[in-house]
Amino acid sequence: MHKIKIPQAAIDRVLLRRDSLHVFNDIDPARTAHIVVDLQNGFMAPGQPAEIPAARDIVKNVNRVSKALRAAGGLVVYIQNTIDANAKATWNNWFGAMSGQRRAQRMDEAFAEGSFGHSLWPELDVQSSDLRVKKTRYGAFVQGSSNLHEILQARNIDTLIITGTATNVCCESTARDAMMMNYKVIVVSDGTATFNDEEHNASLGIMLAQFADVMSADEVVDRLSRDLRRAAE
């Protein structure tokens, strides 16, 4: 698990603008989706070409958030990074230049639909009510990447809880675009993972300062459980 330490400069910048670090304390579960980004074998299984070992450590927290949101009446969506011929043709700046050639074939094979690497990590608590959405860019909302926005709009979703990997790549890209499309975005600090603590914490600081509310899994679960506790009382 990452040692989480959000940069103080980001915290200070936020507190110059508002009274509290957290702005989405009252979550409406019926209008909320848990977006689980790229927790697939290709990113998580030992020896896979895009392995991020720390991602295996967050699964328990990801499952806890999913369970709490389902119980409160919300939606869980698993995003699956997908490489196909169309992705390579329409995003050739990445595939043809920036990604490099040293692992290209292994990545293509790992994230081809139907492959071992493309499959969701088996320790995820995936239920029949959950949705799966394929994406072909880092962010799930950028044009040409997926139909996630249309799916969420059809269900009247306005709040997103983001977990997954990599914090500073696909999670951050998805969170940035979601906020600018007017979603309320919560990033789970101990439900996201990347290559090292430095990149993880830098990304959390960037998102806190400009794009999202950043909470721990405990804080998210507590907010999702409030209505259930009130009903029980």
Protein backbone atom coordinates (compact mmCIF):
# COMPACT_ATOMS: atom_id res chain seq x y z
CA MET A 1 0.00 0.00 0.00
CA HIS A 2 1.25 3.48 -0.78
CA LYS A 3 2.37 5.70 2.08
CA ILE A 4 -0.06 8.53 1.48
CA LYS A 5 1.15 12.09 2.03
CA ILE A 6 -0.64 14.69 -0.03
CA PRO A 7 1.71 17.65 -0.69
CA GLN A 8 1.12 20.41 1.83
CA ALA A 9 1.26 23.03 -0.92
CA ALA A 10 -1.84 21.48 -2.50
CA ILE A 11 -3.68 21.42 0.83
CA ASP A 12 -2.74 25.04 1.54
CA ARG A 13 -3.92 26.14 -1.92
CA VAL A 14 -7.30 24.50 -1.38
CA LEU A 15 -7.78 26.04 2.06
CA LEU A 16 -7.13 29.50 0.65
CA ARG A 17 -10.25 29.04 -1.48
CA ARG A 18 -12.65 27.27 0.88
CA ASP A 19 -13.25 26.31 4.49
CA SER A 20 -12.83 22.54 4.16
CA LEU A 21 -10.76 20.06 2.19
CA HIS A 22 -13.87 17.98 1.53
CA VAL A 23 -16.75 19.34 -0.52
CA PHE A 24 -18.84 16.24 -1.33
CA ASN A 25 -19.85 15.17 2.16
CA ASP A 26 -23.48 14.48 1.26
CA ILE A 27 -23.40 11.80 -1.42
CA ASP A 28 -26.67 10.78 -3.09
CA PRO A 29 -26.03 7.06 -3.71
CA ALA A 30 -28.80 6.79 -6.30
CA ARG A 31 -26.93 9.30 -8.46
CA THR A 32 -23.45 7.90 -7.77
CA ALA A 33 -21.24 5.48 -9.69
CA HIS A 34 -18.07 3.78 -8.49
CA ILE A 35 -15.71 3.84 -11.47
CA VAL A 36 -13.09 1.09 -11.04
CA VAL A 37 -10.32 1.89 -13.52
CA ASP A 38 -8.22 -0.81 -15.20
CA LEU A 39 -7.92 -3.35 -12.38
CA GLN A 40 -7.13 -6.03 -14.92
CA ASN A 41 -4.65 -8.90 -14.94
CA GLY A 42 -2.42 -7.01 -17.38
CA PHE A 43 -1.79 -4.35 -14.73
CA MET A 44 -1.88 -6.58 -11.67
CA ALA A 45 -0.65 -10.12 -12.28
CA PRO A 46 3.06 -10.74 -11.60
CA GLY A 47 5.11 -10.69 -14.77
CA GLN A 48 2.51 -8.93 -16.92
CA PRO A 49 3.87 -6.14 -19.16
CA ALA A 50 2.12 -3.28 -17.33
CA GLU A 51 2.36 -4.75 -13.81
CA ILE A 52 1.85 -2.26 -10.96
CA PRO A 53 2.44 -4.32 -7.80
CA ALA A 54 0.85 -1.72 -5.49
CA ALA A 55 -2.45 -2.17 -7.32
CA ARG A 56 -2.86 -5.58 -5.69
CA ASP A 57 -2.85 -3.89 -2.28
CA ILE A 58 -5.89 -1.69 -2.95
CA VAL A 59 -8.36 -4.42 -3.92
CA LYS A 60 -9.77 -4.80 -0.41
CA ASN A 61 -10.60 -1.08 -0.26
CA VAL A 62 -12.04 -1.10 -3.78
CA ASN A 63 -14.34 -3.97 -2.82
CA ARG A 64 -15.40 -2.18 0.37
CA VAL A 65 -16.41 0.92 -1.56
CA SER A 66 -18.32 -1.17 -4.11
CA LYS A 67 -20.16 -3.07 -1.38
CA ALA A 68 -21.15 0.11 0.46
CA LEU A 69 -22.38 1.82 -2.69
CA ARG A 70 -24.39 -1.18 -3.85
CA ALA A 71 -26.02 -1.43 -0.42
CA ALA A 72 -26.96 2.24 -0.64
CA GLY A 73 -28.44 1.88 -4.13
CA GLY A 74 -25.59 3.06 -6.36
CA LEU A 75 -23.88 1.74 -9.48
CA VAL A 76 -20.49 0.00 -9.88
CA VAL A 77 -18.71 0.19 -13.25
CA TYR A 78 -15.50 -1.67 -14.15
CA ILE A 79 -13.42 -0.01 -16.84
CA GLN A 80 -11.20 -2.24 -19.00
CA ASN A 81 -8.24 -0.88 -20.91
CA THR A 82 -8.52 -2.26 -24.45
CA ILE A 83 -6.07 -2.30 -27.35
CA ASP A 84 -7.52 -3.10 -30.77
CA ALA A 85 -6.91 -2.12 -34.40
CA ASN A 86 -9.17 0.92 -34.16
CA ALA A 87 -7.41 2.20 -31.04
CA LYS A 88 -4.03 1.88 -32.74
CA ALA A 89 -5.27 3.64 -35.87
CA THR A 90 -7.00 6.55 -34.14
CA TRP A 91 -4.40 7.06 -31.39
CA ASN A 92 -1.27 6.46 -33.44
CA ASN A 93 0.54 9.33 -31.73
CA TRP A 94 0.73 7.09 -28.66
CA PHE A 95 1.06 3.68 -30.26
CA GLY A 96 3.37 4.82 -33.06
CA ALA A 97 5.64 7.17 -31.17
CA MET A 98 5.34 7.73 -27.44
CA SER A 99 4.72 4.18 -26.21
CA GLY A 100 7.90 2.82 -27.76
CA GLN A 101 8.48 -0.56 -29.35
CA ARG A 102 10.17 -2.57 -26.59
CA ARG A 103 6.99 -4.03 -25.18
CA ALA A 104 4.48 -3.18 -27.90
CA GLN A 105 3.65 -6.74 -28.89
CA ARG A 106 3.26 -7.87 -25.28
CA MET A 107 0.97 -4.93 -24.51
CA ASP A 108 -1.13 -5.58 -27.62
CA GLU A 109 -1.55 -9.21 -26.59
CA ALA A 110 -2.17 -8.42 -22.92
CA PHE A 111 -4.98 -5.94 -23.56
CA ALA A 112 -6.69 -7.58 -26.50
CA GLU A 113 -10.31 -8.31 -25.69
CA GLY A 114 -10.68 -11.89 -24.48
CA SER A 115 -7.06 -12.25 -23.33
CA PHE A 116 -5.85 -13.07 -19.83
CA GLY A 117 -4.45 -9.58 -19.37
CA HIS A 118 -7.69 -7.90 -20.45
CA SER A 119 -9.72 -9.81 -17.84
CA LEU A 120 -10.60 -8.25 -14.51
CA TRP A 121 -8.45 -9.20 -11.52
CA PRO A 122 -10.13 -12.26 -9.97
CA GLU A 123 -10.06 -10.89 -6.41
CA LEU A 124 -12.43 -8.08 -7.34
CA ASP A 125 -15.94 -8.58 -5.96
CA VAL A 126 -17.77 -8.28 -9.28
CA GLN A 127 -21.54 -8.73 -9.08
CA SER A 128 -24.10 -9.38 -11.81
CA SER A 129 -25.57 -5.90 -11.29
CA ASP A 130 -22.23 -4.24 -12.09
CA LEU A 131 -21.36 -2.90 -15.53
CA ARG A 132 -18.23 -3.33 -17.63
CA VAL A 133 -17.05 -0.67 -20.07
CA LYS A 134 -14.12 -0.94 -22.48
CA LYS A 135 -11.95 2.15 -23.06
CA THR A 136 -9.25 2.81 -25.62
CA ARG A 137 -7.57 5.94 -24.18
CA TYR A 138 -6.16 6.80 -20.79
CA GLY A 139 -9.29 8.67 -19.78
CA ALA A 140 -12.69 7.05 -20.10
CA PHE A 141 -14.42 10.33 -21.05
CA VAL A 142 -12.22 11.71 -23.80
CA GLN A 143 -13.79 11.56 -27.26
CA GLY A 144 -13.38 8.17 -28.90
CA SER A 145 -12.43 6.32 -25.71
CA SER A 146 -15.69 4.77 -24.46
CA ASN A 147 -19.44 5.22 -24.08
CA LEU A 148 -19.20 5.71 -20.31
CA HIS A 149 -20.65 9.23 -20.35
CA GLU A 150 -23.75 8.10 -22.26
CA ILE A 151 -24.26 5.18 -19.87
CA LEU A 152 -24.03 7.41 -16.81
CA GLN A 153 -26.25 10.13 -18.24
CA ALA A 154 -28.94 7.58 -19.05
CA ARG A 155 -28.93 6.62 -15.36
CA ASN A 156 -28.96 10.22 -14.09
CA ILE A 157 -25.52 9.84 -12.47
CA ASP A 158 -23.85 13.06 -11.34
CA THR A 159 -21.25 11.84 -8.81
CA LEU A 160 -18.26 9.56 -9.44
CA ILE A 161 -16.06 7.70 -6.97
CA ILE A 162 -12.82 6.75 -8.72
CA THR A 163 -10.51 3.89 -7.77
CA GLY A 164 -8.02 1.82 -9.75
CA THR A 165 -4.72 2.19 -11.53
CA ALA A 166 -2.60 4.00 -12.45
CA THR A 167 -3.32 6.95 -10.15
CA ASN A 168 -1.44 9.48 -12.25
CA VAL A 169 -2.41 8.11 -15.67
CA CYS A 170 -5.82 6.57 -16.31
CA CYS A 171 -7.40 7.51 -12.97
CA GLU A 172 -6.24 11.12 -13.13
CA SER A 173 -7.15 11.44 -16.81
CA THR A 174 -10.65 10.12 -16.11
CA ALA A 175 -11.07 12.37 -13.06
CA ARG A 176 -9.92 15.51 -14.87
CA ASP A 177 -12.30 15.07 -17.79
CA ALA A 178 -15.19 14.04 -15.53
CA MET A 179 -14.91 17.21 -13.45
CA MET A 180 -14.84 19.37 -16.59
CA MET A 181 -17.97 17.56 -17.78
CA ASN A 182 -19.59 18.68 -14.51
CA TYR A 183 -19.50 15.42 -12.55
CA LYS A 184 -18.78 15.59 -8.84
CA VAL A 185 -15.58 13.56 -8.51
CA ILE A 186 -14.19 11.76 -5.48
CA VAL A 187 -10.80 10.04 -5.79
CA VAL A 188 -10.04 7.37 -3.19
CA SER A 189 -6.50 7.92 -1.90
CA ASP A 190 -6.01 4.34 -0.69
CA GLY A 191 -8.11 2.85 -3.48
CA THR A 192 -5.78 4.00 -6.26
CA ALA A 193 -2.22 2.91 -7.05
CA THR A 194 0.71 3.63 -9.31
CA PHE A 195 4.42 2.87 -9.64
CA ASN A 196 5.70 4.64 -6.50
CA ASP A 197 4.67 6.85 -3.59
CA GLU A 198 6.07 10.01 -5.17
CA GLU A 199 3.93 9.77 -8.30
CA HIS A 200 0.88 8.67 -6.31
CA ASN A 201 1.03 11.58 -3.88
CA ALA A 202 1.84 14.14 -6.56
CA SER A 203 -1.24 13.03 -8.49
CA LEU A 204 -3.46 13.15 -5.41
CA GLY A 205 -2.23 16.69 -4.76
CA ILE A 206 -2.99 17.79 -8.32
CA MET A 207 -6.48 16.30 -8.18
CA LEU A 208 -7.23 17.76 -4.74
CA ALA A 209 -6.12 21.22 -5.84
CA GLN A 210 -8.11 21.37 -9.06
CA PHE A 211 -10.21 18.40 -10.05
CA ALA A 212 -11.61 16.23 -7.23
CA ASP A 213 -12.37 15.67 -3.61
CA VAL A 214 -9.76 13.24 -2.28
CA MET A 215 -10.90 10.88 0.48
CA SER A 216 -9.79 7.63 2.06
CA ALA A 217 -11.86 4.48 1.62
CA ASP A 218 -13.01 4.80 5.24
CA GLU A 219 -14.26 8.33 4.60
CA VAL A 220 -16.13 7.29 1.47
CA VAL A 221 -17.74 4.26 3.11
CA ASP A 222 -18.77 6.37 6.10
CA ARG A 223 -20.55 8.86 3.85
CA LEU A 224 -22.26 6.13 1.84
CA SER A 225 -23.46 4.42 5.01
CA ARG A 226 -25.04 7.46 6.64
CA ASP A 227 -28.49 7.03 5.13
CA LEU A 228 -28.54 3.32 6.06
CA ARG A 229 -27.57 4.14 9.64
CA ARG A 230 -30.26 6.82 9.85
CA ALA A 231 -32.88 4.41 8.54
CA ALA A 232 -31.84 1.79 11.10
CA GLU A 233 -32.06 4.32 13.90
